[in-house]
Each structure stands twice: as structure tokens, then as C-alpha cells.
PDB file of N, CA and C in Angstrom:
ATOM      1  N   MET A   1       0.818  -1.192   0.000  1.00  0.00           N
ATOM      2  CA  MET A   1       0.000   0.000   0.000  1.00  0.00           C
ATOM      3  C   MET A   1       0.865   1.261   0.000  1.00  0.00           C
ATOM      4  N   PHE A   2       1.949   1.286   0.789  1.00  0.00           N
ATOM      5  CA  PHE A   2       2.759   2.492   0.923  1.00  0.00           C
ATOM      6  C   PHE A   2       4.121   2.343   0.248  1.00  0.00           C
ATOM      7  N   ASN A   3       4.208   1.511  -0.779  1.00  0.00           N
ATOM      8  CA  ASN A   3       5.502   1.281  -1.398  1.00  0.00           C
ATOM      9  C   ASN A   3       5.966   2.433  -2.276  1.00  0.00           C
ATOM     10  N   ASN A   4       5.099   3.344  -2.661  1.00  0.00           N
ATOM     11  CA  ASN A   4       5.502   4.453  -3.522  1.00  0.00           C
ATOM     12  C   ASN A   4       4.685   5.693  -3.155  1.00  0.00           C
ATOM     13  N   TYR A   5       5.152   6.436  -2.179  1.00  0.00           N
ATOM     14  CA  TYR A   5       4.416   7.618  -1.741  1.00  0.00           C
ATOM     15  C   TYR A   5       5.361   8.789  -1.534  1.00  0.00           C
ATOM     16  N   SER A   6       4.799   9.969  -1.484  1.00  0.00           N
ATOM     17  CA  SER A   6       5.552  11.196  -1.231  1.00  0.00           C
ATOM     18  C   SER A   6       5.014  11.855   0.028  1.00  0.00           C
ATOM     19  N   VAL A   7       5.901  12.476   0.788  1.00  0.00           N
ATOM     20  CA  VAL A   7       5.491  13.237   1.964  1.00  0.00           C
ATOM     21  C   VAL A   7       5.187  14.654   1.499  1.00  0.00           C
ATOM     22  N   MET A   8       3.938  15.076   1.675  1.00  0.00           N
ATOM     23  CA  MET A   8       3.515  16.415   1.255  1.00  0.00           C
ATOM     24  C   MET A   8       3.745  17.458   2.339  1.00  0.00           C
ATOM     25  N   GLY A   9       3.778  17.019   3.579  1.00  0.00           N
ATOM     26  CA  GLY A   9       3.973  17.963   4.668  1.00  0.00           C
ATOM     27  C   GLY A   9       4.159  17.226   5.972  1.00  0.00           C
ATOM     28  N   THR A  10       4.795  17.879   6.922  1.00  0.00           N
ATOM     29  CA  THR A  10       5.027  17.308   8.244  1.00  0.00           C
ATOM     30  C   THR A  10       4.681  18.362   9.281  1.00  0.00           C
ATOM     31  N   THR A  11       4.049  17.926  10.356  1.00  0.00           N
ATOM     32  CA  THR A  11       3.749  18.829  11.460  1.00  0.00           C
ATOM     33  C   THR A  11       3.921  18.065  12.764  1.00  0.00           C
ATOM     34  N   TYR A  12       4.135  18.790  13.842  1.00  0.00           N
ATOM     35  CA  TYR A  12       4.262  18.186  15.162  1.00  0.00           C
ATOM     36  C   TYR A  12       3.104  18.678  16.012  1.00  0.00           C
ATOM     37  N   ILE A  13       2.497  17.740  16.731  1.00  0.00           N
ATOM     38  CA  ILE A  13       1.340  18.054  17.564  1.00  0.00           C
ATOM     39  C   ILE A  13       1.603  17.504  18.957  1.00  0.00           C
ATOM     40  N   THR A  14       1.258  18.279  19.985  1.00  0.00           N
ATOM     41  CA  THR A  14       1.344  17.765  21.348  1.00  0.00           C
ATOM     42  C   THR A  14      -0.059  17.468  21.847  1.00  0.00           C
ATOM     43  N   HIS A  15      -0.162  16.384  22.607  1.00  0.00           N
ATOM     44  CA  HIS A  15      -1.442  15.966  23.177  1.00  0.00           C
ATOM     45  C   HIS A  15      -1.141  15.227  24.468  1.00  0.00           C
ATOM     46  N   LYS A  16      -1.702  15.698  25.571  1.00  0.00           N
ATOM     47  CA  LYS A  16      -1.492  15.095  26.890  1.00  0.00           C
ATOM     48  C   LYS A  16      -0.004  14.939  27.210  1.00  0.00           C
ATOM     49  N   ASP A  17       0.753  15.998  27.061  1.00  0.00           N
ATOM     50  CA  ASP A  17       2.185  16.052  27.372  1.00  0.00           C
ATOM     51  C   ASP A  17       3.042  15.101  26.548  1.00  0.00           C
ATOM     52  N   LYS A  18       2.554  14.652  25.416  1.00  0.00           N
ATOM     53  CA  LYS A  18       3.339  13.817  24.507  1.00  0.00           C
ATOM     54  C   LYS A  18       3.341  14.479  23.142  1.00  0.00           C
ATOM     55  N   TRP A  19       4.384  14.240  22.373  1.00  0.00           N
ATOM     56  CA  TRP A  19       4.441  14.820  21.033  1.00  0.00           C
ATOM     57  C   TRP A  19       4.253  13.731  19.990  1.00  0.00           C
ATOM     58  N   TYR A  20       3.730  14.136  18.852  1.00  0.00           N
ATOM     59  CA  TYR A  20       3.476  13.246  17.722  1.00  0.00           C
ATOM     60  C   TYR A  20       3.929  13.948  16.448  1.00  0.00           C
ATOM     61  N   ARG A  21       4.634  13.213  15.598  1.00  0.00           N
ATOM     62  CA  ARG A  21       4.982  13.737  14.277  1.00  0.00           C
ATOM     63  C   ARG A  21       3.959  13.194  13.293  1.00  0.00           C
ATOM     64  N   VAL A  22       3.344  14.080  12.544  1.00  0.00           N
ATOM     65  CA  VAL A  22       2.320  13.694  11.580  1.00  0.00           C
ATOM     66  C   VAL A  22       2.832  14.021  10.186  1.00  0.00           C
ATOM     67  N   GLU A  23       2.853  13.006   9.315  1.00  0.00           N
ATOM     68  CA  GLU A  23       3.263  13.205   7.931  1.00  0.00           C
ATOM     69  C   GLU A  23       2.058  12.975   7.032  1.00  0.00           C
ATOM     70  N   PHE A  24       1.848  13.886   6.128  1.00  0.00           N
ATOM     71  CA  PHE A  24       0.755  13.793   5.168  1.00  0.00           C
ATOM     72  C   PHE A  24       1.315  13.162   3.903  1.00  0.00           C
ATOM     73  N   LEU A  25       0.756  12.009   3.517  1.00  0.00           N
ATOM     74  CA  LEU A  25       1.310  11.214   2.421  1.00  0.00           C
ATOM     75  C   LEU A  25       0.367  11.176   1.233  1.00  0.00           C
ATOM     76  N   LYS A  26       0.950  11.070   0.062  1.00  0.00           N
ATOM     77  CA  LYS A  26       0.135  10.881  -1.136  1.00  0.00           C
ATOM     78  C   LYS A  26       0.848   9.896  -2.046  1.00  0.00           C
ATOM     79  N   ASN A  27       0.089   9.193  -2.846  1.00  0.00           N
ATOM     80  CA  ASN A  27       0.689   8.239  -3.769  1.00  0.00           C
ATOM     81  C   ASN A  27       0.371   8.578  -5.212  1.00  0.00           C
ATOM     82  N   GLU A  28      -0.090   9.787  -5.450  1.00  0.00           N
ATOM     83  CA  GLU A  28      -0.365  10.249  -6.805  1.00  0.00           C
ATOM     84  C   GLU A  28       0.731  11.211  -7.232  1.00  0.00           C
ATOM     85  N   ILE A  29       1.025  11.238  -8.500  1.00  0.00           N
ATOM     86  CA  ILE A  29       2.083  12.110  -9.000  1.00  0.00           C
ATOM     87  C   ILE A  29       1.649  13.566  -8.976  1.00  0.00           C
ATOM     88  N   ARG A  30       0.410  13.828  -9.320  1.00  0.00           N
ATOM     89  CA  ARG A  30      -0.077  15.216  -9.409  1.00  0.00           C
ATOM     90  C   ARG A  30      -0.892  15.584  -8.180  1.00  0.00           C
ATOM     91  N   GLY A  31      -1.074  16.879  -8.023  1.00  0.00           N
ATOM     92  CA  GLY A  31      -1.937  17.369  -6.953  1.00  0.00           C
ATOM     93  C   GLY A  31      -1.153  17.740  -5.713  1.00  0.00           C
ATOM     94  N   GLY A  32      -1.721  18.652  -4.966  1.00  0.00           N
ATOM     95  CA  GLY A  32      -1.111  19.075  -3.715  1.00  0.00           C
ATOM     96  C   GLY A  32      -1.779  18.365  -2.558  1.00  0.00           C
ATOM     97  N   LEU A  33      -2.095  19.112  -1.528  1.00  0.00           N
ATOM     98  CA  LEU A  33      -2.756  18.515  -0.367  1.00  0.00           C
ATOM     99  C   LEU A  33      -4.102  17.909  -0.723  1.00  0.00           C
ATOM    100  N   ALA A  34      -4.696  18.342  -1.807  1.00  0.00           N
ATOM    101  CA  ALA A  34      -6.001  17.809  -2.198  1.00  0.00           C
ATOM    102  C   ALA A  34      -5.937  16.326  -2.537  1.00  0.00           C
ATOM    103  N   SER A  35      -4.744  15.792  -2.814  1.00  0.00           N
ATOM    104  CA  SER A  35      -4.632  14.378  -3.151  1.00  0.00           C
ATOM    105  C   SER A  35      -4.109  13.535  -1.993  1.00  0.00           C
ATOM    106  N   VAL A  36      -3.940  14.125  -0.815  1.00  0.00           N
ATOM    107  CA  VAL A  36      -3.460  13.386   0.351  1.00  0.00           C
ATOM    108  C   VAL A  36      -4.597  12.550   0.924  1.00  0.00           C
ATOM    109  N   LYS A  37      -4.382  11.240   1.014  1.00  0.00           N
ATOM    110  CA  LYS A  37      -5.390  10.351   1.580  1.00  0.00           C
ATOM    111  C   LYS A  37      -4.843   9.504   2.721  1.00  0.00           C
ATOM    112  N   TYR A  38      -3.601   9.725   3.101  1.00  0.00           N
ATOM    113  CA  TYR A  38      -2.977   8.945   4.160  1.00  0.00           C
ATOM    114  C   TYR A  38      -2.234   9.877   5.101  1.00  0.00           C
ATOM    115  N   ILE A  39      -2.183   9.497   6.378  1.00  0.00           N
ATOM    116  CA  ILE A  39      -1.283  10.173   7.300  1.00  0.00           C
ATOM    117  C   ILE A  39      -0.521   9.104   8.065  1.00  0.00           C
ATOM    118  N   ALA A  40       0.692   9.431   8.435  1.00  0.00           N
ATOM    119  CA  ALA A  40       1.517   8.574   9.276  1.00  0.00           C
ATOM    120  C   ALA A  40       1.742   9.326  10.575  1.00  0.00           C
ATOM    121  N   VAL A  41       1.426   8.695  11.701  1.00  0.00           N
ATOM    122  CA  VAL A  41       1.604   9.308  13.007  1.00  0.00           C
ATOM    123  C   VAL A  41       2.717   8.552  13.723  1.00  0.00           C
ATOM    124  N   THR A  42       3.771   9.274  14.095  1.00  0.00           N
ATOM    125  CA  THR A  42       4.902   8.677  14.802  1.00  0.00           C
ATOM    126  C   THR A  42       4.927   9.232  16.217  1.00  0.00           C
ATOM    127  N   THR A  43       5.024   8.335  17.199  1.00  0.00           N
ATOM    128  CA  THR A  43       5.063   8.740  18.604  1.00  0.00           C
ATOM    129  C   THR A  43       6.499   9.039  19.010  1.00  0.00           C
ATOM    130  N   GLU A  44       6.663   9.552  20.229  1.00  0.00           N
ATOM    131  CA  GLU A  44       8.009   9.842  20.717  1.00  0.00           C
ATOM    132  C   GLU A  44       8.821   8.565  20.920  1.00  0.00           C
ATOM    133  N   ASN A  45       8.170   7.388  20.942  1.00  0.00           N
ATOM    134  CA  ASN A  45       8.861   6.084  21.027  1.00  0.00           C
ATOM    135  C   ASN A  45       9.281   5.589  19.651  1.00  0.00           C
ATOM    136  N   GLN A  46       9.046   6.376  18.605  1.00  0.00           N
ATOM    137  CA  GLN A  46       9.356   6.032  17.220  1.00  0.00           C
ATOM    138  C   GLN A  46       8.468   4.922  16.666  1.00  0.00           C
ATOM    139  N   GLN A  47       7.274   4.753  17.213  1.00  0.00           N
ATOM    140  CA  GLN A  47       6.306   3.807  16.663  1.00  0.00           C
ATOM    141  C   GLN A  47       5.396   4.567  15.707  1.00  0.00           C
ATOM    142  N   THR A  48       5.199   4.005  14.515  1.00  0.00           N
ATOM    143  CA  THR A  48       4.427   4.684  13.478  1.00  0.00           C
ATOM    144  C   THR A  48       3.181   3.893  13.131  1.00  0.00           C
ATOM    145  N   ARG A  49       2.072   4.597  13.023  1.00  0.00           N
ATOM    146  CA  ARG A  49       0.812   4.017  12.550  1.00  0.00           C
ATOM    147  C   ARG A  49       0.360   4.802  11.336  1.00  0.00           C
ATOM    148  N   PHE A  50      -0.211   4.075  10.376  1.00  0.00           N
ATOM    149  CA  PHE A  50      -0.713   4.696   9.155  1.00  0.00           C
ATOM    150  C   PHE A  50      -2.232   4.699   9.184  1.00  0.00           C
ATOM    151  N   PHE A  51      -2.818   5.776   8.705  1.00  0.00           N
ATOM    152  CA  PHE A  51      -4.265   5.909   8.619  1.00  0.00           C
ATOM    153  C   PHE A  51      -4.620   6.261   7.184  1.00  0.00           C
ATOM    154  N   GLU A  52      -5.617   5.558   6.641  1.00  0.00           N
ATOM    155  CA  GLU A  52      -6.072   5.794   5.271  1.00  0.00           C
ATOM    156  C   GLU A  52      -7.486   6.349   5.319  1.00  0.00           C
ATOM    157  N   PHE A  53      -7.796   7.258   4.405  1.00  0.00           N
ATOM    158  CA  PHE A  53      -9.100   7.898   4.374  1.00  0.00           C
ATOM    159  C   PHE A  53      -9.717   7.768   2.995  1.00  0.00           C
ATOM    160  N   ASN A  54     -11.036   7.719   2.952  1.00  0.00           N
ATOM    161  CA  ASN A  54     -11.762   7.544   1.693  1.00  0.00           C
ATOM    162  C   ASN A  54     -11.765   8.791   0.824  1.00  0.00           C
ATOM    163  N   GLU A  55     -11.557   9.929   1.429  1.00  0.00           N
ATOM    164  CA  GLU A  55     -11.544  11.172   0.660  1.00  0.00           C
ATOM    165  C   GLU A  55     -10.311  11.981   1.050  1.00  0.00           C
ATOM    166  N   PRO A  56      -9.895  12.883   0.216  1.00  0.00           N
ATOM    167  CA  PRO A  56      -8.673  13.646   0.490  1.00  0.00           C
ATOM    168  C   PRO A  56      -8.743  14.452   1.783  1.00  0.00           C
ATOM    169  N   ILE A  57      -7.606  14.555   2.431  1.00  0.00           N
ATOM    170  CA  ILE A  57      -7.458  15.357   3.646  1.00  0.00           C
ATOM    171  C   ILE A  57      -6.990  16.734   3.200  1.00  0.00           C
ATOM    172  N   ASN A  58      -7.672  17.778   3.614  1.00  0.00           N
ATOM    173  CA  ASN A  58      -7.276  19.100   3.136  1.00  0.00           C
ATOM    174  C   ASN A  58      -6.918  20.072   4.245  1.00  0.00           C
ATOM    175  N   GLU A  59      -6.848  19.614   5.489  1.00  0.00           N
ATOM    176  CA  GLU A  59      -6.490  20.518   6.574  1.00  0.00           C
ATOM    177  C   GLU A  59      -5.539  19.834   7.536  1.00  0.00           C
ATOM    178  N   PHE A  60      -4.476  20.541   7.915  1.00  0.00           N
ATOM    179  CA  PHE A  60      -3.549  19.998   8.892  1.00  0.00           C
ATOM    180  C   PHE A  60      -4.214  19.827  10.256  1.00  0.00           C
ATOM    181  N   LYS A  61      -5.219  20.680  10.560  1.00  0.00           N
ATOM    182  CA  LYS A  61      -5.913  20.574  11.846  1.00  0.00           C
ATOM    183  C   LYS A  61      -6.613  19.229  11.994  1.00  0.00           C
ATOM    184  N   PHE A  62      -6.913  18.593  10.883  1.00  0.00           N
ATOM    185  CA  PHE A  62      -7.573  17.292  10.893  1.00  0.00           C
ATOM    186  C   PHE A  62      -6.757  16.270  11.687  1.00  0.00           C
ATOM    187  N   ALA A  63      -5.444  16.372  11.647  1.00  0.00           N
ATOM    188  CA  ALA A  63      -4.569  15.409  12.315  1.00  0.00           C
ATOM    189  C   ALA A  63      -4.758  15.416  13.822  1.00  0.00           C
ATOM    190  N   LYS A  64      -5.043  16.560  14.397  1.00  0.00           N
ATOM    191  CA  LYS A  64      -5.234  16.631  15.845  1.00  0.00           C
ATOM    192  C   LYS A  64      -6.406  15.758  16.279  1.00  0.00           C
ATOM    193  N   ASN A  65      -7.471  15.729  15.503  1.00  0.00           N
ATOM    194  CA  ASN A  65      -8.614  14.877  15.832  1.00  0.00           C
ATOM    195  C   ASN A  65      -8.238  13.402  15.803  1.00  0.00           C
ATOM    196  N   ILE A  66      -7.394  13.005  14.855  1.00  0.00           N
ATOM    197  CA  ILE A  66      -6.943  11.618  14.764  1.00  0.00           C
ATOM    198  C   ILE A  66      -6.143  11.236  16.002  1.00  0.00           C
ATOM    199  N   ILE A  67      -5.243  12.106  16.423  1.00  0.00           N
ATOM    200  CA  ILE A  67      -4.424  11.818  17.599  1.00  0.00           C
ATOM    201  C   ILE A  67      -5.288  11.728  18.844  1.00  0.00           C
ATOM    202  N   GLU A  68      -6.223  12.642  19.019  1.00  0.00           N
ATOM    203  CA  GLU A  68      -7.095  12.598  20.190  1.00  0.00           C
ATOM    204  C   GLU A  68      -7.939  11.330  20.206  1.00  0.00           C
ATOM    205  N   LYS A  69      -8.343  10.856  19.049  1.00  0.00           N
ATOM    206  CA  LYS A  69      -9.182   9.659  18.969  1.00  0.00           C
ATOM    207  C   LYS A  69      -8.389   8.375  19.216  1.00  0.00           C
ATOM    208  N   HIS A  70      -7.194   8.261  18.648  1.00  0.00           N
ATOM    209  CA  HIS A  70      -6.452   7.004  18.688  1.00  0.00           C
ATOM    210  C   HIS A  70      -5.386   6.932  19.777  1.00  0.00           C
ATOM    211  N   TYR A  71      -5.040   8.051  20.371  1.00  0.00           N
ATOM    212  CA  TYR A  71      -3.994   8.058  21.393  1.00  0.00           C
ATOM    213  C   TYR A  71      -4.490   8.691  22.692  1.00  0.00           C
ATOM    214  N   ALA A  72      -5.745   8.547  22.995  1.00  0.00           N
ATOM    215  CA  ALA A  72      -6.335   9.175  24.188  1.00  0.00           C
ATOM    216  C   ALA A  72      -5.827   8.555  25.469  1.00  0.00           C
TER     217      ALA A  72
END
């Protein structure tokens, strides 16, 4: 699934005194953030989880909701 992707952007988010690195990934050659359908969340322990979405992600703020939901 992730054998050929590009990182479109990276941001760091803190939640409950922990930090998370969020990378916005795309596997299409064209398009900007409008073609991002995956994010990779890396914890301070260097463990990474990938999340796939049915429609493009167009806001970096969206990542905070993912972290609050999956790392509560």
C-alpha cells in the first residue's frame, strides 16, 4: 500500500504532554494537499501508525482529531 508515496507535509502536535509527528502522504504524481489520503503518526517512542481515508485530507488541523481519537 505504501511502497511508492511522497510526503507532502510534516507537522508536530502535542497531546497530553506527549508529542506526535504527523506526515501527510500521497501516492499520486499530481496534486497538492487535495490528493493526500494517508497520514503517518509517529510517537516519541518512534512507533508509526498509518491511517487511510476515503476522501482527500485538506487541513492539517484534521490530524489533531486523529491523535485525540487514537492516542487518548
